[in-house]
N, C-alpha and C. Protein backbone atom coordinates (compact mmCIF):
# COMPACT_ATOMS: atom_id res chain seq x y z
N MET A 1 -26.63 -11.43 -10.18
CA MET A 1 -28.06 -12.05 -8.99
C MET A 1 -27.65 -13.64 -9.15
N ASN A 2 -26.66 -13.94 -10.60
CA ASN A 2 -26.61 -15.28 -10.28
C ASN A 2 -25.13 -15.88 -9.09
N ASN A 3 -24.33 -14.68 -8.20
CA ASN A 3 -24.21 -14.87 -7.09
C ASN A 3 -24.48 -15.49 -6.18
N ILE A 4 -26.14 -15.59 -6.09
CA ILE A 4 -27.31 -15.89 -4.90
C ILE A 4 -26.86 -17.05 -4.43
N PRO A 5 -26.20 -18.07 -2.98
CA PRO A 5 -26.15 -19.16 -2.84
C PRO A 5 -27.28 -19.80 -2.94
N GLN A 6 -27.18 -21.28 -3.23
CA GLN A 6 -28.41 -21.81 -3.68
C GLN A 6 -28.80 -22.02 -2.33
N ALA A 7 -28.62 -22.27 -1.18
CA ALA A 7 -29.13 -22.54 0.45
C ALA A 7 -30.37 -21.21 0.80
N TYR A 8 -30.15 -20.16 -0.14
CA TYR A 8 -30.93 -18.63 -0.07
C TYR A 8 -32.86 -19.43 -1.12
N LEU A 9 -31.85 -20.73 -2.15
CA LEU A 9 -33.45 -20.52 -2.71
C LEU A 9 -33.66 -21.89 -2.03
N HIS A 10 -33.76 -22.70 -1.13
CA HIS A 10 -35.26 -23.74 -1.11
C HIS A 10 -35.81 -23.88 0.66
N THR A 11 -36.58 -24.45 0.68
CA THR A 11 -37.72 -25.00 1.05
C THR A 11 -37.20 -25.23 2.67
N PRO A 12 -37.23 -24.88 4.13
CA PRO A 12 -36.98 -25.80 4.97
C PRO A 12 -37.38 -27.11 4.49
N SER A 13 -37.91 -27.65 4.49
CA SER A 13 -37.58 -28.89 4.32
C SER A 13 -36.58 -29.02 3.19
N GLU A 14 -36.65 -28.57 2.18
CA GLU A 14 -35.58 -28.70 1.31
C GLU A 14 -33.95 -28.95 1.96
N LEU A 15 -33.95 -27.26 2.62
CA LEU A 15 -32.92 -27.60 3.49
C LEU A 15 -32.38 -28.76 4.09
N VAL A 16 -33.55 -29.33 5.01
CA VAL A 16 -33.33 -30.71 6.00
C VAL A 16 -33.12 -31.50 4.59
N VAL A 17 -33.61 -31.51 3.91
CA VAL A 17 -33.10 -32.61 2.85
C VAL A 17 -31.92 -32.70 2.58
N LEU A 18 -31.15 -31.30 2.18
CA LEU A 18 -29.33 -31.57 1.59
C LEU A 18 -28.67 -31.94 2.69
N LEU A 19 -28.79 -31.40 4.41
CA LEU A 19 -28.23 -31.81 4.85
C LEU A 19 -28.26 -33.51 5.16
N VAL A 20 -29.66 -34.00 5.44
CA VAL A 20 -29.63 -35.40 5.28
C VAL A 20 -28.71 -35.88 4.44
N ARG A 21 -29.06 -35.84 3.59
CA ARG A 21 -28.09 -36.64 2.08
C ARG A 21 -26.65 -36.63 2.34
N ALA A 22 -26.25 -35.61 3.17
CA ALA A 22 -24.93 -35.41 3.43
C ALA A 22 -24.11 -35.92 4.53
N GLY A 23 -25.10 -36.95 5.12
CA GLY A 23 -25.19 -37.55 6.31
C GLY A 23 -25.31 -37.28 7.19
N TRP A 24 -26.03 -35.80 7.76
CA TRP A 24 -25.84 -35.38 8.62
C TRP A 24 -27.74 -36.68 9.47
N SER A 25 -27.27 -36.76 10.43
CA SER A 25 -29.00 -37.23 11.01
C SER A 25 -29.53 -36.19 11.64
N GLN A 26 -31.13 -36.42 12.29
CA GLN A 26 -31.82 -35.19 12.59
C GLN A 26 -31.16 -35.01 13.49
N GLU A 27 -30.90 -35.97 14.26
CA GLU A 27 -30.77 -35.25 15.79
C GLU A 27 -29.17 -34.21 16.02
N GLU A 28 -28.24 -34.73 15.10
CA GLU A 28 -27.21 -33.58 14.45
C GLU A 28 -27.34 -32.29 14.28
N ILE A 29 -28.55 -32.13 12.95
CA ILE A 29 -29.68 -31.03 12.55
C ILE A 29 -30.14 -30.42 13.55
N ALA A 30 -30.50 -30.66 14.84
CA ALA A 30 -31.14 -30.57 15.66
C ALA A 30 -30.33 -29.89 16.56
N ASN A 31 -28.82 -30.13 16.97
CA ASN A 31 -27.76 -30.14 17.68
C ASN A 31 -27.99 -28.08 16.88
N GLU A 32 -27.44 -28.52 15.92
CA GLU A 32 -27.06 -27.45 14.93
C GLU A 32 -27.43 -25.86 15.37
N THR A 33 -29.03 -26.37 15.32
CA THR A 33 -30.16 -25.41 15.35
C THR A 33 -30.72 -25.22 16.20
N GLU A 34 -30.34 -25.69 17.64
CA GLU A 34 -30.90 -25.56 18.32
C GLU A 34 -31.93 -25.25 18.56
N SER A 35 -32.52 -26.68 17.99
CA SER A 35 -34.13 -26.96 18.07
C SER A 35 -34.14 -28.65 18.79
N THR A 36 -35.18 -29.61 18.00
CA THR A 36 -34.89 -30.56 18.92
C THR A 36 -35.66 -31.82 17.57
N GLN A 37 -34.98 -32.54 17.72
CA GLN A 37 -35.11 -34.04 16.54
C GLN A 37 -36.26 -34.02 15.44
N ALA A 38 -37.91 -33.77 16.87
CA ALA A 38 -39.27 -34.20 16.69
C ALA A 38 -39.82 -32.74 15.37
N THR A 39 -38.81 -31.73 16.14
CA THR A 39 -39.03 -30.17 14.92
C THR A 39 -38.52 -30.81 13.79
N ILE A 40 -37.26 -31.64 13.74
CA ILE A 40 -36.49 -31.42 12.60
C ILE A 40 -37.72 -32.71 11.45
N SER A 41 -37.90 -33.48 12.48
CA SER A 41 -38.87 -34.63 11.68
C SER A 41 -39.81 -33.77 11.14
N ARG A 42 -40.42 -32.62 11.32
CA ARG A 42 -41.88 -32.66 10.95
C ARG A 42 -41.34 -31.39 9.89
N ILE A 43 -40.64 -30.87 10.52
CA ILE A 43 -40.03 -30.28 8.66
C ILE A 43 -39.60 -31.01 7.68
N LEU A 44 -38.68 -32.36 7.98
CA LEU A 44 -38.38 -32.91 6.85
C LEU A 44 -39.70 -34.14 6.38
N HIS A 45 -41.20 -34.17 7.22
CA HIS A 45 -41.69 -34.32 6.54
C HIS A 45 -42.94 -34.18 6.00
N GLY A 46 -42.96 -32.50 6.04
CA GLY A 46 -43.68 -31.87 5.41
C GLY A 46 -44.41 -30.99 6.83
N MET A 47 -44.81 -31.88 7.23
CA MET A 47 -45.61 -31.27 9.10
C MET A 47 -45.76 -30.48 9.19
N HIS A 48 -44.41 -29.79 9.03
CA HIS A 48 -44.39 -28.31 9.71
C HIS A 48 -43.97 -26.86 8.87
N LYS A 49 -45.23 -26.67 8.13
CA LYS A 49 -44.99 -25.74 7.05
C LYS A 49 -43.84 -24.66 7.76
N ASP A 50 -44.41 -23.68 8.16
CA ASP A 50 -43.88 -22.74 8.75
C ASP A 50 -43.28 -22.58 10.02
N PRO A 51 -42.18 -22.94 10.18
CA PRO A 51 -40.73 -22.64 10.80
C PRO A 51 -40.70 -20.66 11.41
N LYS A 52 -39.87 -21.07 12.71
CA LYS A 52 -39.73 -19.46 13.29
C LYS A 52 -38.36 -19.40 12.13
N TYR A 53 -38.32 -18.14 11.25
CA TYR A 53 -37.72 -17.79 11.12
C TYR A 53 -36.17 -17.70 11.04
N SER A 54 -35.69 -17.65 12.93
CA SER A 54 -34.56 -17.80 13.36
C SER A 54 -33.90 -18.98 12.81
N LEU A 55 -35.00 -20.33 12.63
CA LEU A 55 -34.77 -21.95 13.17
C LEU A 55 -34.26 -21.52 11.49
N VAL A 56 -35.02 -21.28 10.35
CA VAL A 56 -34.54 -21.32 8.94
C VAL A 56 -33.51 -21.13 8.93
N VAL A 57 -33.23 -19.86 8.82
CA VAL A 57 -31.75 -18.87 9.14
C VAL A 57 -30.74 -20.01 9.46
N LYS A 58 -30.94 -20.67 10.40
CA LYS A 58 -29.59 -21.84 10.44
C LYS A 58 -29.69 -22.84 10.41
N LEU A 59 -31.20 -23.29 9.87
CA LEU A 59 -30.56 -24.35 8.87
C LEU A 59 -29.73 -23.97 6.96
N ARG A 60 -29.76 -22.32 7.09
CA ARG A 60 -29.14 -22.81 6.19
C ARG A 60 -27.77 -22.38 5.84
N ASN A 61 -27.70 -21.79 7.31
CA ASN A 61 -26.15 -21.79 7.47
C ASN A 61 -25.77 -22.96 7.36
N ALA A 62 -26.14 -23.93 8.32
CA ALA A 62 -25.67 -25.18 7.81
C ALA A 62 -25.18 -25.78 6.06
N VAL A 63 -25.90 -25.21 5.80
CA VAL A 63 -26.19 -26.24 4.09
C VAL A 63 -25.01 -24.85 4.00
N LEU A 64 -24.48 -23.15 4.42
CA LEU A 64 -23.85 -22.63 3.52
C LEU A 64 -22.46 -23.36 4.37
N LYS A 65 -22.56 -23.75 5.73
CA LYS A 65 -21.29 -23.91 5.23
C LYS A 65 -20.54 -25.86 4.90
N LEU A 66 -21.81 -26.56 4.56
CA LEU A 66 -21.33 -27.62 3.96
C LEU A 66 -21.28 -27.52 2.47
N GLU A 67 -21.62 -26.41 1.84
CA GLU A 67 -21.11 -25.85 0.46
C GLU A 67 -20.18 -25.76 0.62
N GLU A 68 -19.45 -24.68 1.54
CA GLU A 68 -18.39 -24.24 1.60
C GLU A 68 -17.13 -25.73 1.65
N LEU A 69 -17.72 -26.48 2.47
CA LEU A 69 -16.57 -27.74 2.62
C LEU A 69 -16.27 -28.73 0.98
N VAL A 70 -17.39 -28.42 0.44
CA VAL A 70 -17.21 -28.73 -1.10
C VAL A 70 -16.25 -28.19 -2.14
N GLU A 71 -16.85 -27.20 -1.93
CA GLU A 71 -15.82 -26.04 -2.65
C GLU A 71 -14.26 -26.27 -2.44
């Protein structure tokens, strides 16, 4: 159970925050997730409470890529 990647335990907003803290711009996150900067901004600021599952998966995958680079 301890082998669950941390990216699976974060909310969409937390995933965006992790990417921003790693130096990604909202536009870069939007491009990576095939979304828009406006959608990423709404998620980041808690105004988009229920994003599509497919977007959450893409956000999580971006964070997982980041974690691989750090290891």
